[in-house]
Amino acid sequence: MIENLIDLEEVSTDKLETIIKLAGEIKNDPDKYKESCRGKILATLFYEPSTRTQMSFQAAMMRLGGNTIGFDNPMNSSVAKGESLKDTVKIISGYADIIAMRHPAEGAARAASMFSDAPIINAGDGGHLHPTQTLTDIVTLYNEVGRLDHLKIGLCGDLKNGRTVHSLIKTMSHFEGNEFILVSTPDLEVPGYIKSILKASGCRYSELYNLNEAMPVLDVLYMTRIQRERFSSEEEYKRQSGIYVLDTKKLSLGKGSLKVLHPLPRVDEITSDVDKDPRAVYFKQAVYGMYARMALIYLMLNKPVEKKAQRHITENRVHKCDNPSCITRREPYLPNAFKNSGDMLTCLYCDNRMLI
């Protein structure tokens, strides 16, 4: 089925539809699957704080009859003693049948998959990607909207650092007729490589600075918080925070069929009175996420996968990734590797693009 889940771009539409369908089946008949992963172990390696993602992975495995091990603070592990990502993953993959990993460095999940003897699930790598949140989002959309195509999708907030935004745009651009309205400040607009993906897919998109202007046309509004942990200073964060706030007045401009999603946690970007509006589905979204992860874990552990040859990366000795958040900056033993596209190099770990 799926060997590793690093980037949903590597999962076919057919396989995505299989996951979505299975998530619905599990939700409707959980008893049928409650022993399906008995004897299996999930390791959750969380180098960054998490509530929903970590606990939904743990709850998903336990509801499938399996067990969990792991850490939620690297300072309570051998990482605090200087252990490399390679060594941590190599050891843990001998204990567990599957690993869900969150890490602050972009491309960390890709790097981990090179050394792990167990399947790796990317539970978020810095500001890069968050594929299981995107699974959560598309399972929510399928169940709450009824389709994944011909939607006008607004994304608002920190579109630069929001890995959930990047993953969602990449995945939804594969479904016919979707259009994106990107609402952010100039400093927090989506990265260039995401715009390149939109252009290559033929998806229409526009960039706005005013949320009110976008509201009347949207089928889906995906709100995001300004990610304080991605800013170099508190002053820089405060310049961006509080600019976009969804309240009942703004929501009144939206369609009656609008669905409001948020990957959570929220800070101040959605007021609490919006929670009572039936168009606000972000709490239901978090529950859908557990079923999405149950489906993913079940398929990765129970459906045979054609084992791919070990991925050998040829080191580029001339160039190094210039993204300061790339995993290659933290783990110097990793080979520098790029995809060549004309006069551009794209890092195979973090998707950072550089001029040659």
Protein backbone atom coordinates (compact mmCIF):
# COMPACT_ATOMS: atom_id res chain seq x y z
CA MET A 1 0.00 0.00 0.00
CA ILE A 2 2.28 2.81 1.29
CA GLU A 3 5.86 2.23 2.38
CA ASN A 4 6.48 5.64 4.01
CA LEU A 5 4.29 8.73 4.21
CA ILE A 6 6.64 11.67 3.80
CA ASP A 7 4.75 13.81 1.30
CA LEU A 8 1.22 13.25 0.00
CA GLU A 9 2.56 14.10 -3.46
CA GLU A 10 3.93 10.55 -3.43
CA VAL A 11 0.49 9.02 -2.78
CA SER A 12 -1.74 8.43 -5.80
CA THR A 13 -5.28 9.80 -5.93
CA ASP A 14 -6.58 6.21 -5.89
CA LYS A 15 -4.73 5.50 -2.65
CA LEU A 16 -5.98 8.76 -1.12
CA GLU A 17 -9.54 7.75 -1.97
CA THR A 18 -8.93 4.35 -0.36
CA ILE A 19 -7.79 6.05 2.87
CA ILE A 20 -10.78 8.42 2.85
CA LYS A 21 -13.23 5.56 2.30
CA LEU A 22 -11.64 3.42 5.02
CA ALA A 23 -11.67 6.32 7.51
CA GLY A 24 -15.43 6.55 6.98
CA GLU A 25 -15.86 2.81 7.43
CA ILE A 26 -13.89 2.84 10.68
CA LYS A 27 -15.88 5.82 11.95
CA ASN A 28 -19.16 4.02 11.23
CA ASP A 29 -18.08 0.60 12.55
CA PRO A 30 -15.10 0.98 14.93
CA ASP A 31 -15.63 -2.45 16.54
CA LYS A 32 -14.78 -4.15 13.25
CA TYR A 33 -11.22 -2.77 13.44
CA LYS A 34 -10.54 -2.74 17.19
CA GLU A 35 -8.21 -5.79 17.06
CA SER A 36 -6.73 -5.18 13.61
CA CYS A 37 -3.31 -4.02 14.88
CA ARG A 38 -3.03 -6.17 17.99
CA GLY A 39 0.61 -6.94 18.75
CA LYS A 40 1.87 -3.98 16.72
CA ILE A 41 3.76 -1.02 18.18
CA LEU A 42 3.68 2.61 17.07
CA ALA A 43 6.57 4.87 18.14
CA THR A 44 5.79 8.59 18.35
CA LEU A 45 9.02 10.60 18.14
CA PHE A 46 8.01 14.21 18.77
CA TYR A 47 10.92 16.64 18.77
CA GLU A 48 8.37 19.50 18.93
CA PRO A 49 5.33 20.07 21.18
CA SER A 50 2.02 18.64 20.02
CA THR A 51 -1.41 17.89 21.44
CA ARG A 52 -3.77 16.82 18.66
CA THR A 53 -1.30 15.15 16.31
CA GLN A 54 0.53 13.14 18.93
CA MET A 55 -2.54 12.13 20.92
CA SER A 56 -4.58 11.32 17.81
CA PHE A 57 -1.80 9.01 16.62
CA GLN A 58 -1.71 7.35 20.04
CA ALA A 59 -5.50 7.09 20.23
CA ALA A 60 -5.63 5.75 16.67
CA MET A 61 -3.16 2.95 17.42
CA MET A 62 -4.84 2.06 20.71
CA ARG A 63 -8.28 1.96 19.07
CA LEU A 64 -6.82 -0.46 16.51
CA GLY A 65 -5.66 -2.71 19.36
CA GLY A 66 -1.97 -1.78 19.19
CA ASN A 67 0.45 -0.18 21.64
CA THR A 68 2.55 2.98 21.63
CA ILE A 69 6.02 4.02 22.79
CA GLY A 70 8.01 7.21 22.23
CA PHE A 71 8.82 10.64 23.58
CA ASP A 72 7.23 14.08 23.45
CA ASN A 73 10.29 15.97 24.64
CA PRO A 74 13.67 15.19 23.05
CA MET A 75 15.41 16.49 26.18
CA ASN A 76 14.06 13.41 27.98
CA SER A 77 15.74 11.14 25.44
CA SER A 78 19.27 10.45 24.22
CA VAL A 79 18.85 13.37 21.83
CA ALA A 80 19.81 15.51 24.83
CA LYS A 81 23.15 13.66 24.90
CA GLY A 82 23.82 14.53 21.28
CA GLU A 83 22.48 11.41 19.55
CA SER A 84 21.99 11.90 15.82
CA LEU A 85 18.64 11.54 14.06
CA LYS A 86 20.10 8.59 12.15
CA ASP A 87 21.02 6.68 15.32
CA THR A 88 17.75 7.47 17.12
CA VAL A 89 15.65 6.29 14.20
CA LYS A 90 17.78 3.20 13.59
CA ILE A 91 17.40 2.09 17.20
CA ILE A 92 13.69 2.89 17.58
CA SER A 93 12.84 1.17 14.29
CA GLY A 94 14.12 -2.03 15.90
CA TYR A 95 11.56 -1.65 18.69
CA ALA A 96 8.50 -0.46 16.73
CA ASP A 97 6.54 -1.59 13.69
CA ILE A 98 5.81 1.95 12.53
CA ILE A 99 7.07 5.43 13.48
CA ALA A 100 5.30 8.80 13.49
CA MET A 101 7.83 11.62 13.77
CA ARG A 102 7.58 15.39 14.21
CA HIS A 103 10.75 17.44 13.92
CA PRO A 104 11.54 21.17 13.65
CA ALA A 105 13.96 20.73 10.74
CA GLU A 106 12.55 20.69 7.23
CA GLY A 107 13.17 17.41 5.45
CA ALA A 108 13.73 15.47 8.68
CA ALA A 109 11.16 12.79 7.83
CA ARG A 110 12.77 12.18 4.45
CA ALA A 111 16.16 11.83 6.14
CA ALA A 112 14.73 9.46 8.78
CA SER A 113 13.25 7.20 6.11
CA MET A 114 16.77 6.63 4.71
CA PHE A 115 17.86 4.89 7.92
CA SER A 116 14.69 3.38 9.41
CA ASP A 117 13.83 -0.32 9.32
CA ALA A 118 10.17 0.58 10.00
CA PRO A 119 7.78 2.74 7.95
CA ILE A 120 8.01 6.46 8.70
CA ILE A 121 5.01 8.79 8.88
CA ASN A 122 5.80 12.49 8.66
CA ALA A 123 3.89 14.15 11.50
CA GLY A 124 5.28 17.58 10.55
CA ASP A 125 8.76 18.72 9.55
CA GLY A 126 9.35 22.35 10.48
CA GLY A 127 7.48 24.76 8.22
CA HIS A 128 7.65 22.29 5.34
CA LEU A 129 4.90 19.63 5.26
CA HIS A 130 2.26 17.97 7.43
CA PRO A 131 0.71 15.18 5.34
CA THR A 132 -1.45 13.58 8.04
CA GLN A 133 -3.03 16.95 8.79
CA THR A 134 -3.87 17.12 5.09
CA LEU A 135 -5.41 13.66 5.32
CA THR A 136 -7.45 15.03 8.22
CA ASP A 137 -8.47 18.01 6.11
CA ILE A 138 -9.56 16.03 3.06
CA VAL A 139 -11.44 13.46 5.15
CA THR A 140 -13.24 16.41 6.81
CA LEU A 141 -14.01 18.06 3.46
CA TYR A 142 -15.27 14.83 1.94
CA ASN A 143 -17.62 14.22 4.87
CA GLU A 144 -18.72 17.82 5.50
CA VAL A 145 -18.79 19.25 1.95
CA GLY A 146 -19.37 16.04 0.03
CA ARG A 147 -16.67 16.51 -2.60
CA LEU A 148 -13.02 17.43 -3.12
CA ASP A 149 -13.31 19.13 -6.48
CA HIS A 150 -14.63 22.44 -7.90
CA LEU A 151 -14.15 24.27 -4.61
CA LYS A 152 -13.11 27.83 -3.91
CA ILE A 153 -10.71 27.41 -1.01
CA GLY A 154 -9.54 30.37 1.03
CA LEU A 155 -6.40 30.03 3.13
CA CYS A 156 -5.72 32.81 5.62
CA GLY A 157 -2.90 33.68 8.03
CA ASP A 158 0.67 32.44 8.11
CA LEU A 159 0.94 30.93 4.64
CA LYS A 160 4.73 31.12 4.64
CA ASN A 161 5.44 28.94 7.68
CA GLY A 162 2.21 26.95 7.72
CA ARG A 163 3.18 23.41 6.73
CA THR A 164 -0.51 22.45 6.84
CA VAL A 165 -1.20 25.07 4.17
CA HIS A 166 1.59 23.82 1.92
CA SER A 167 0.46 20.21 2.15
CA LEU A 168 -3.21 21.07 1.57
CA ILE A 169 -2.52 23.21 -1.50
CA LYS A 170 -0.28 20.54 -3.02
CA THR A 171 -2.90 17.81 -2.53
CA MET A 172 -6.03 19.77 -3.47
CA SER A 173 -4.36 21.06 -6.65
CA HIS A 174 -4.72 17.52 -8.04
CA PHE A 175 -8.52 17.62 -7.88
CA GLU A 176 -10.34 19.14 -10.84
CA GLY A 177 -11.62 22.69 -10.76
CA ASN A 178 -10.28 23.82 -7.39
CA GLU A 179 -9.36 27.49 -6.99
CA PHE A 180 -7.31 29.00 -4.18
CA ILE A 181 -7.62 32.44 -2.61
CA LEU A 182 -4.53 33.16 -0.52
CA VAL A 183 -5.01 35.77 2.20
CA SER A 184 -1.90 36.94 4.04
CA THR A 185 0.43 39.85 4.59
CA PRO A 186 3.23 40.24 2.00
CA ASP A 187 5.72 38.91 4.56
CA LEU A 188 3.71 35.72 5.13
CA GLU A 189 2.68 34.74 1.61
CA VAL A 190 3.12 31.18 0.38
CA PRO A 191 6.63 30.17 -0.72
CA GLY A 192 7.62 30.32 -4.37
CA TYR A 193 7.76 26.56 -4.79
CA ILE A 194 4.07 26.28 -3.80
CA LYS A 195 3.12 28.90 -6.38
CA SER A 196 5.12 26.95 -8.95
CA ILE A 197 3.10 23.84 -8.10
CA LEU A 198 -0.15 25.76 -8.56
CA LYS A 199 0.96 27.11 -11.91
CA ALA A 200 2.15 23.69 -13.10
CA SER A 201 -1.17 22.09 -12.12
CA GLY A 202 -3.20 24.77 -13.92
CA CYS A 203 -5.02 25.74 -10.72
CA ARG A 204 -6.31 29.29 -10.55
CA TYR A 205 -5.19 31.28 -7.53
CA SER A 206 -5.22 34.86 -6.33
CA GLU A 207 -3.54 36.67 -3.47
CA LEU A 208 -5.43 39.11 -1.27
CA TYR A 209 -4.60 41.09 1.85
CA ASN A 210 -8.24 41.58 2.97
CA LEU A 211 -10.23 38.64 4.35
CA ASN A 212 -13.57 40.48 4.01
CA GLU A 213 -13.04 40.69 0.27
CA ALA A 214 -12.66 36.93 -0.02
CA MET A 215 -15.49 35.78 2.27
CA PRO A 216 -18.55 35.97 -0.07
CA VAL A 217 -17.13 33.60 -2.71
CA LEU A 218 -15.58 30.87 -0.56
CA ASP A 219 -16.77 27.29 -0.20
CA VAL A 220 -14.05 26.57 2.36
CA LEU A 221 -12.11 28.89 4.66
CA TYR A 222 -8.94 27.44 6.16
CA MET A 223 -7.76 29.70 8.98
CA THR A 224 -4.26 29.36 10.43
CA ARG A 225 -2.45 30.89 13.37
CA ILE A 226 0.61 33.10 13.05
CA GLN A 227 3.35 30.67 14.04
CA ARG A 228 5.27 32.38 16.81
CA GLU A 229 7.85 29.57 16.98
CA ARG A 230 8.97 30.22 13.38
CA PHE A 231 9.92 33.88 13.98
CA SER A 232 13.41 35.00 14.90
CA SER A 233 12.17 37.58 17.44
CA GLU A 234 9.09 38.45 19.48
CA GLU A 235 8.96 41.88 17.81
CA GLU A 236 8.78 40.32 14.36
CA TYR A 237 5.98 38.01 15.51
CA LYS A 238 3.95 40.87 17.04
CA ARG A 239 4.10 42.81 13.78
CA GLN A 240 2.19 39.99 12.08
CA SER A 241 -0.12 38.70 14.84
CA GLY A 242 -3.71 39.85 15.18
CA ILE A 243 -4.05 41.09 11.60
CA TYR A 244 -6.51 38.41 10.53
CA VAL A 245 -9.29 37.53 12.97
CA LEU A 246 -12.45 35.65 11.98
CA ASP A 247 -15.41 36.84 14.04
CA THR A 248 -19.17 36.53 13.59
CA LYS A 249 -19.31 39.80 11.66
CA LYS A 250 -16.86 38.55 9.04
CA LEU A 251 -18.50 35.13 9.02
CA SER A 252 -21.84 36.76 8.20
CA LEU A 253 -20.34 37.70 4.82
CA GLY A 254 -19.87 34.03 3.94
CA LYS A 255 -22.18 31.57 2.23
CA GLY A 256 -24.59 29.48 4.26
CA SER A 257 -22.79 26.40 2.96
CA LEU A 258 -19.31 27.67 3.90
CA LYS A 259 -17.15 25.34 6.00
CA VAL A 260 -14.53 26.84 8.32
CA LEU A 261 -11.52 24.64 9.06
CA HIS A 262 -8.47 25.22 11.25
CA PRO A 263 -5.63 22.76 11.96
CA LEU A 264 -5.49 24.05 15.56
CA PRO A 265 -4.30 25.19 18.01
CA ARG A 266 -5.84 28.60 17.58
CA VAL A 267 -4.59 31.66 19.39
CA ASP A 268 -6.66 34.74 18.56
CA GLU A 269 -7.45 34.24 14.86
CA ILE A 270 -10.98 32.83 15.46
CA THR A 271 -13.13 34.33 18.20
CA SER A 272 -14.88 31.88 20.51
CA ASP A 273 -18.37 33.02 19.47
CA VAL A 274 -17.74 31.56 16.00
CA ASP A 275 -17.67 28.10 17.61
CA LYS A 276 -21.47 28.08 17.86
CA ASP A 277 -21.95 28.59 14.13
CA PRO A 278 -22.68 25.26 12.33
CA ARG A 279 -20.28 26.32 9.58
CA ALA A 280 -17.39 26.04 12.04
CA VAL A 281 -16.20 22.43 11.77
CA TYR A 282 -12.68 22.63 13.23
CA PHE A 283 -13.48 20.63 16.38
CA LYS A 284 -15.12 17.90 14.28
CA GLN A 285 -12.06 18.14 12.01
CA ALA A 286 -9.80 17.09 14.89
CA VAL A 287 -11.90 13.95 15.46
CA TYR A 288 -11.87 13.13 11.75
CA GLY A 289 -8.09 13.27 12.09
CA MET A 290 -8.08 10.30 14.43
CA TYR A 291 -10.07 8.22 11.95
CA ALA A 292 -7.81 9.33 9.09
CA ARG A 293 -4.75 8.20 11.05
CA MET A 294 -6.43 4.92 12.00
CA ALA A 295 -7.04 4.23 8.32
CA LEU A 296 -3.47 5.15 7.41
CA ILE A 297 -1.88 3.00 10.13
CA TYR A 298 -4.15 0.06 9.30
CA LEU A 299 -3.27 0.17 5.61
CA MET A 300 0.46 0.63 6.19
CA LEU A 301 0.63 -2.31 8.59
CA ASN A 302 -1.92 -4.70 7.10
CA LYS A 303 -1.80 -4.25 3.35
CA PRO A 304 1.23 -5.69 1.58
CA VAL A 305 3.53 -3.14 0.00
CA GLU A 306 5.96 -3.80 -2.78
CA LYS A 307 9.23 -3.05 -1.04
CA LYS A 308 11.15 -0.43 -2.94
CA ALA A 309 14.88 -0.60 -3.37
CA GLN A 310 16.78 1.35 -0.72
CA ARG A 311 16.90 4.95 -1.81
CA HIS A 312 20.50 5.84 -2.56
CA ILE A 313 21.17 9.55 -2.71
CA THR A 314 24.22 10.68 -4.62
CA GLU A 315 25.94 13.48 -2.75
CA ASN A 316 26.26 16.83 -4.46
CA ARG A 317 29.72 17.95 -3.38
CA VAL A 318 29.47 21.32 -5.11
CA HIS A 319 26.28 22.73 -3.59
CA LYS A 320 24.76 22.85 -0.12
CA CYS A 321 21.16 23.73 0.67
CA ASP A 322 20.98 27.39 1.70
CA ASN A 323 17.78 26.92 3.73
CA PRO A 324 18.86 27.46 7.37
CA SER A 325 15.99 25.21 8.51
CA CYS A 326 16.97 22.25 6.31
CA ILE A 327 17.78 19.00 8.11
CA THR A 328 21.18 18.92 6.35
CA ARG A 329 22.20 21.91 8.49
CA ARG A 330 21.58 19.96 11.70
CA GLU A 331 22.75 16.52 10.61
CA PRO A 332 26.03 17.12 8.72
CA TYR A 333 26.52 13.43 7.78
CA LEU A 334 23.54 13.63 5.39
CA PRO A 335 24.49 13.79 1.71
CA ASN A 336 23.52 17.06 0.02
CA ALA A 337 21.12 16.13 -2.77
CA PHE A 338 19.16 18.13 -5.33
CA LYS A 339 16.85 17.79 -8.29
CA ASN A 340 18.07 19.83 -11.25
CA SER A 341 15.47 21.92 -13.08
CA GLY A 342 17.09 24.20 -15.62
CA ASP A 343 18.97 26.89 -13.75
CA MET A 344 17.38 25.88 -10.42
CA LEU A 345 18.30 23.25 -7.85
CA THR A 346 15.58 21.84 -5.57
CA CYS A 347 16.70 20.23 -2.30
CA LEU A 348 15.41 16.66 -2.09
CA TYR A 349 14.87 17.02 1.65
CA CYS A 350 13.16 20.39 2.16
CA ASP A 351 12.11 21.46 -1.39
CA ASN A 352 14.12 24.68 -1.07
CA ARG A 353 14.91 26.10 -4.49
CA MET A 354 18.26 27.74 -5.32
CA LEU A 355 19.73 29.32 -8.38
CA ILE A 356 22.74 27.43 -9.71
